[in-house]
């Protein structure tokens, strides 16, 4: 499942909430979200969109950097076998 977020400014961008009880994939590599934060907060880069593909099954809690009350819960489910 792929998601594309709009980055309207340097305050509002998606951040993986690694401590959320909603998350079910303990091995999720959220380094792309960490790198996004680093890039957005640097003065040398302007980012207007961010895309990420969730490959592994699980629930993922993504919050807005500037408003941690705004959550996007992503549920990735495997196909029926």
C-alpha atoms as a PDB file:
ATOM      1  CA  UNK A   1       0.000   0.000   0.000  1.00  0.00           C
ATOM      2  CA  UNK A   2       1.406   3.350  -1.040  1.00  0.00           C
ATOM      3  CA  UNK A   3       0.424   6.681   0.511  1.00  0.00           C
ATOM      4  CA  UNK A   4       1.285  10.172  -0.711  1.00  0.00           C
ATOM      5  CA  UNK A   5       1.201  13.085   1.725  1.00  0.00           C
ATOM      6  CA  UNK A   6       1.112  16.745   0.780  1.00  0.00           C
ATOM      7  CA  UNK A   7       3.663  18.828   2.701  1.00  0.00           C
ATOM      8  CA  UNK A   8       2.101  22.315   2.838  1.00  0.00           C
ATOM      9  CA  UNK A   9       4.830  23.891   4.985  1.00  0.00           C
ATOM     10  CA  UNK A  10       7.772  23.105   7.247  1.00  0.00           C
ATOM     11  CA  UNK A  11       5.500  22.433  10.227  1.00  0.00           C
ATOM     12  CA  UNK A  12       2.961  19.944   8.884  1.00  0.00           C
ATOM     13  CA  UNK A  13       4.447  16.678   7.678  1.00  0.00           C
ATOM     14  CA  UNK A  14       3.943  13.000   8.548  1.00  0.00           C
ATOM     15  CA  UNK A  15       5.880  11.465  11.446  1.00  0.00           C
ATOM     16  CA  UNK A  16       5.750   7.815  12.480  1.00  0.00           C
ATOM     17  CA  UNK A  17       4.578   7.613  16.109  1.00  0.00           C
ATOM     18  CA  UNK A  18       6.898   4.793  17.172  1.00  0.00           C
ATOM     19  CA  UNK A  19       5.442   4.652  20.699  1.00  0.00           C
ATOM     20  CA  UNK A  20       1.785   4.362  19.668  1.00  0.00           C
ATOM     21  CA  UNK A  21      -0.119   1.364  21.007  1.00  0.00           C
ATOM     22  CA  UNK A  22      -1.869   1.153  17.615  1.00  0.00           C
ATOM     23  CA  UNK A  23       1.317  -0.048  15.900  1.00  0.00           C
ATOM     24  CA  UNK A  24       1.586  -3.797  15.421  1.00  0.00           C
ATOM     25  CA  UNK A  25       4.785  -4.204  13.385  1.00  0.00           C
ATOM     26  CA  UNK A  26       7.654  -4.020  15.864  1.00  0.00           C
ATOM     27  CA  UNK A  27      10.203  -4.406  13.062  1.00  0.00           C
ATOM     28  CA  UNK A  28       8.956  -1.473  10.960  1.00  0.00           C
ATOM     29  CA  UNK A  29      11.827   0.503   9.443  1.00  0.00           C
ATOM     30  CA  UNK A  30      10.631   4.100   9.799  1.00  0.00           C
ATOM     31  CA  UNK A  31      13.952   5.644   8.800  1.00  0.00           C
ATOM     32  CA  UNK A  32      12.345   7.287   5.734  1.00  0.00           C
ATOM     33  CA  UNK A  33      10.138   9.315   8.106  1.00  0.00           C
ATOM     34  CA  UNK A  34      13.181  10.298  10.179  1.00  0.00           C
ATOM     35  CA  UNK A  35      14.965  11.397   6.999  1.00  0.00           C
ATOM     36  CA  UNK A  36      11.880  13.340   5.875  1.00  0.00           C
ATOM     37  CA  UNK A  37      11.893  15.271   9.155  1.00  0.00           C
ATOM     38  CA  UNK A  38      15.586  16.048   8.782  1.00  0.00           C
ATOM     39  CA  UNK A  39      15.095  17.263   5.210  1.00  0.00           C
ATOM     40  CA  UNK A  40      11.979  19.340   5.925  1.00  0.00           C
ATOM     41  CA  UNK A  41      13.587  21.036   8.901  1.00  0.00           C
ATOM     42  CA  UNK A  42      16.748  21.891   6.965  1.00  0.00           C
ATOM     43  CA  UNK A  43      16.788  25.272   5.315  1.00  0.00           C
ATOM     44  CA  UNK A  44      18.317  23.912   2.138  1.00  0.00           C
ATOM     45  CA  UNK A  45      15.425  21.736   0.933  1.00  0.00           C
ATOM     46  CA  UNK A  46      11.828  22.444  -0.002  1.00  0.00           C
ATOM     47  CA  UNK A  47       9.616  19.361  -0.016  1.00  0.00           C
ATOM     48  CA  UNK A  48       6.005  19.495  -1.151  1.00  0.00           C
ATOM     49  CA  UNK A  49       5.134  15.767  -1.206  1.00  0.00           C
ATOM     50  CA  UNK A  50       6.203  12.551   0.484  1.00  0.00           C
ATOM     51  CA  UNK A  51       5.357   9.046  -0.701  1.00  0.00           C
ATOM     52  CA  UNK A  52       5.873   5.841   1.229  1.00  0.00           C
ATOM     53  CA  UNK A  53       5.055   2.220   0.438  1.00  0.00           C
ATOM     54  CA  UNK A  54       4.055   0.023   3.363  1.00  0.00           C
ATOM     55  CA  UNK A  55       5.081  -3.513   2.428  1.00  0.00           C
ATOM     56  CA  UNK A  56       4.617  -5.523   5.623  1.00  0.00           C
ATOM     57  CA  UNK A  57       1.280  -6.340   7.216  1.00  0.00           C
ATOM     58  CA  UNK A  58       0.422  -4.347  10.302  1.00  0.00           C
ATOM     59  CA  UNK A  59      -1.062  -1.177  11.714  1.00  0.00           C
ATOM     60  CA  UNK A  60       0.911   2.048  11.547  1.00  0.00           C
ATOM     61  CA  UNK A  61       0.171   5.313  13.373  1.00  0.00           C
ATOM     62  CA  UNK A  62       1.313   8.408  11.511  1.00  0.00           C
ATOM     63  CA  UNK A  63       0.861  11.818  13.154  1.00  0.00           C
ATOM     64  CA  UNK A  64       1.189  15.397  11.978  1.00  0.00           C
ATOM     65  CA  UNK A  65       4.482  16.870  13.192  1.00  0.00           C
ATOM     66  CA  UNK A  66       2.813  20.091  14.347  1.00  0.00           C
ATOM     67  CA  UNK A  67      -0.442  18.582  15.680  1.00  0.00           C
ATOM     68  CA  UNK A  68      -0.024  15.182  17.312  1.00  0.00           C
ATOM     69  CA  UNK A  69      -3.816  14.979  17.648  1.00  0.00           C
ATOM     70  CA  UNK A  70      -4.062  14.451  13.895  1.00  0.00           C
ATOM     71  CA  UNK A  71      -3.492  10.759  13.214  1.00  0.00           C
ATOM     72  CA  UNK A  72      -3.506   8.682  10.070  1.00  0.00           C
ATOM     73  CA  UNK A  73      -3.921   5.021  10.946  1.00  0.00           C
ATOM     74  CA  UNK A  74      -2.789   2.739   8.156  1.00  0.00           C
ATOM     75  CA  UNK A  75      -3.751  -0.928   8.169  1.00  0.00           C
ATOM     76  CA  UNK A  76      -1.922  -3.205   5.755  1.00  0.00           C
ATOM     77  CA  UNK A  77      -3.460  -6.656   5.440  1.00  0.00           C
ATOM     78  CA  UNK A  78      -2.173  -9.648   3.537  1.00  0.00           C
ATOM     79  CA  UNK A  79      -4.237 -11.214   0.793  1.00  0.00           C
ATOM     80  CA  UNK A  80      -6.365 -14.303   1.303  1.00  0.00           C
ATOM     81  CA  UNK A  81      -4.491 -17.486   0.534  1.00  0.00           C
END
